[in-house]
């Protein structure tokens, strides 16, 4: 049963990523032309992040749909498939999925590549569209591709 509890959100995350459709997952205010006024401004994500009451409600609903025991909720995070820091939509459910916190497929590891990709986009080393596509379709591949690249912030 514990294996099923761990696999279920992984499968939900993979299904959400496979169904990636930028029309629903992306914030229309963030484009390559607007990154200097949006995602590249320090603290941007905090300005668009929904209230915890909203995200906790979505997390609870996704856990119920997956048949997961609420007692393991602390092991999971409500993840933005395309992070807010890369122009992901803050409220669209197409951009939200459960993700386990720890391990090679965990949110803590994904968070590191999110920060790196944001830096690479803001320094024009990677386009916004490329970063969004990579994080949505194969964030682990993006991690391996970009982890050792130096970000040259000015």
Protein backbone atom coordinates (compact mmCIF):
# COMPACT_ATOMS: atom_id res chain seq x y z
CA UNK A 1 0.00 0.00 0.00
CA UNK A 2 2.85 2.41 0.82
CA UNK A 3 4.28 1.87 -2.69
CA UNK A 4 0.91 2.80 -4.19
CA UNK A 5 0.79 5.90 -2.02
CA UNK A 6 4.15 6.99 -3.39
CA UNK A 7 3.49 6.07 -7.00
CA UNK A 8 0.09 7.67 -7.25
CA UNK A 9 1.29 11.31 -7.07
CA UNK A 10 4.25 10.52 -9.31
CA UNK A 11 1.83 9.17 -11.90
CA UNK A 12 -0.40 12.22 -11.45
CA UNK A 13 2.59 14.51 -11.97
CA UNK A 14 3.72 12.58 -15.05
CA UNK A 15 0.18 12.63 -16.47
CA UNK A 16 -0.07 16.36 -15.90
CA UNK A 17 3.28 16.94 -17.58
CA UNK A 18 2.31 14.70 -20.49
CA UNK A 19 -0.86 16.73 -20.94
CA UNK A 20 1.17 19.94 -20.94
CA UNK A 21 -0.63 22.57 -22.91
CA UNK A 22 0.91 25.99 -22.74
CA UNK A 23 -2.45 27.72 -23.26
CA UNK A 24 -3.56 26.74 -19.77
CA UNK A 25 -0.28 26.37 -17.94
CA UNK A 26 1.25 29.73 -18.81
CA UNK A 27 0.67 33.16 -17.37
CA UNK A 28 -0.19 35.35 -20.39
CA UNK A 29 1.52 38.34 -18.72
CA UNK A 30 4.91 36.63 -18.96
CA UNK A 31 6.53 36.50 -22.39
CA UNK A 32 10.07 36.74 -23.66
CA UNK A 33 9.41 40.46 -24.21
CA UNK A 34 8.22 41.02 -20.62
CA UNK A 35 10.68 38.98 -18.56
CA UNK A 36 12.58 42.09 -17.39
CA UNK A 37 9.34 43.43 -15.87
CA UNK A 38 8.04 40.09 -14.56
CA UNK A 39 10.02 36.96 -13.71
CA UNK A 40 13.42 38.69 -13.65
CA UNK A 41 12.30 41.16 -10.98
CA UNK A 42 13.40 39.93 -7.53
CA UNK A 43 10.37 38.74 -5.57
CA UNK A 44 8.13 38.40 -8.63
CA UNK A 45 6.82 34.94 -7.66
CA UNK A 46 5.61 36.21 -4.30
CA UNK A 47 3.51 38.86 -6.05
CA UNK A 48 1.56 36.29 -8.10
CA UNK A 49 1.49 33.29 -5.73
CA UNK A 50 -2.06 32.47 -4.58
CA UNK A 51 -3.01 32.38 -0.92
CA UNK A 52 -2.18 29.24 1.03
CA UNK A 53 -5.90 28.64 1.54
CA UNK A 54 -6.26 28.18 -2.24
CA UNK A 55 -3.21 25.94 -2.72
CA UNK A 56 -4.00 23.81 0.34
CA UNK A 57 -7.51 23.26 -1.00
CA UNK A 58 -6.20 22.17 -4.41
CA UNK A 59 -3.65 19.86 -2.76
CA UNK A 60 -6.36 18.27 -0.62
CA UNK A 61 -8.62 17.79 -3.65
CA UNK A 62 -5.83 16.15 -5.69
CA UNK A 63 -4.96 13.84 -2.81
CA UNK A 64 -8.61 12.81 -2.47
CA UNK A 65 -8.87 12.15 -6.22
CA UNK A 66 -5.74 9.98 -6.05
CA UNK A 67 -7.16 8.05 -3.09
CA UNK A 68 -4.27 9.10 -0.88
CA UNK A 69 -4.38 9.09 2.89
CA UNK A 70 -4.37 12.68 4.23
CA UNK A 71 -1.88 11.65 6.91
CA UNK A 72 0.91 11.61 4.31
CA UNK A 73 0.16 15.12 2.97
CA UNK A 74 3.33 16.52 4.55
CA UNK A 75 5.38 14.28 2.22
CA UNK A 76 4.00 16.06 -0.85
CA UNK A 77 3.93 19.53 -2.32
CA UNK A 78 1.48 21.14 -4.67
CA UNK A 79 3.86 21.74 -7.54
CA UNK A 80 3.64 24.17 -10.41
CA UNK A 81 4.45 22.14 -13.51
CA UNK A 82 5.74 25.37 -15.00
CA UNK A 83 6.98 27.33 -11.99
CA UNK A 84 5.81 30.86 -11.32
CA UNK A 85 9.45 31.93 -11.71
CA UNK A 86 9.31 30.71 -15.32
CA UNK A 87 5.93 32.23 -16.17
CA UNK A 88 3.65 29.44 -15.03
CA UNK A 89 0.05 30.34 -14.36
CA UNK A 90 -0.54 30.74 -10.62
CA UNK A 91 -4.12 29.43 -10.50
CA UNK A 92 -4.82 27.25 -13.52
CA UNK A 93 -5.28 23.65 -12.44
CA UNK A 94 -3.57 22.48 -15.65
CA UNK A 95 -0.38 23.85 -14.11
CA UNK A 96 -0.71 22.14 -10.72
CA UNK A 97 0.22 18.61 -9.67
CA UNK A 98 1.18 16.73 -6.54
CA UNK A 99 4.88 16.00 -6.21
CA UNK A 100 6.73 14.07 -3.54
CA UNK A 101 9.17 16.28 -1.62
CA UNK A 102 12.22 14.02 -1.30
CA UNK A 103 14.23 11.81 -3.65
CA UNK A 104 15.44 11.98 -7.23
CA UNK A 105 11.92 12.80 -8.44
CA UNK A 106 11.23 15.12 -5.54
CA UNK A 107 10.19 18.74 -5.38
CA UNK A 108 13.34 19.76 -3.51
CA UNK A 109 15.45 18.61 -6.45
CA UNK A 110 13.11 20.20 -9.00
CA UNK A 111 13.33 23.50 -7.09
CA UNK A 112 17.07 23.66 -7.84
CA UNK A 113 16.59 23.43 -11.60
CA UNK A 114 13.75 25.98 -11.43
CA UNK A 115 16.13 28.53 -9.89
CA UNK A 116 18.85 27.70 -12.42
CA UNK A 117 16.50 27.97 -15.41
CA UNK A 118 15.13 31.29 -14.17
CA UNK A 119 18.67 32.64 -13.94
CA UNK A 120 19.52 31.31 -17.40
CA UNK A 121 16.38 32.90 -18.86
CA UNK A 122 17.00 36.24 -17.16
CA UNK A 123 20.58 36.31 -18.46
CA UNK A 124 19.38 35.33 -21.94
CA UNK A 125 21.36 32.09 -21.95
CA UNK A 126 18.12 30.12 -22.53
CA UNK A 127 14.86 31.38 -24.01
CA UNK A 128 11.75 31.50 -21.87
CA UNK A 129 9.93 29.10 -24.20
CA UNK A 130 12.79 26.60 -24.09
CA UNK A 131 12.93 26.69 -20.29
CA UNK A 132 9.14 26.30 -20.00
CA UNK A 133 9.08 23.37 -22.38
CA UNK A 134 11.99 21.60 -20.68
CA UNK A 135 10.64 22.00 -17.16
CA UNK A 136 7.14 20.88 -18.18
CA UNK A 137 8.10 17.86 -20.25
CA UNK A 138 11.35 16.56 -18.69
CA UNK A 139 12.55 18.54 -15.70
CA UNK A 140 15.02 15.81 -14.75
CA UNK A 141 16.55 15.98 -18.22
CA UNK A 142 16.74 19.77 -17.85
CA UNK A 143 18.43 19.25 -14.48
CA UNK A 144 21.15 17.11 -16.05
CA UNK A 145 21.50 19.42 -19.06
CA UNK A 146 21.81 22.69 -17.14
CA UNK A 147 23.01 21.81 -13.62
CA UNK A 148 26.67 22.52 -14.37
CA UNK A 149 26.14 25.58 -16.55
CA UNK A 150 27.23 28.79 -14.87
CA UNK A 151 24.63 31.51 -14.78
CA UNK A 152 26.21 34.86 -15.57
CA UNK A 153 24.11 37.42 -13.68
CA UNK A 154 25.28 40.99 -14.20
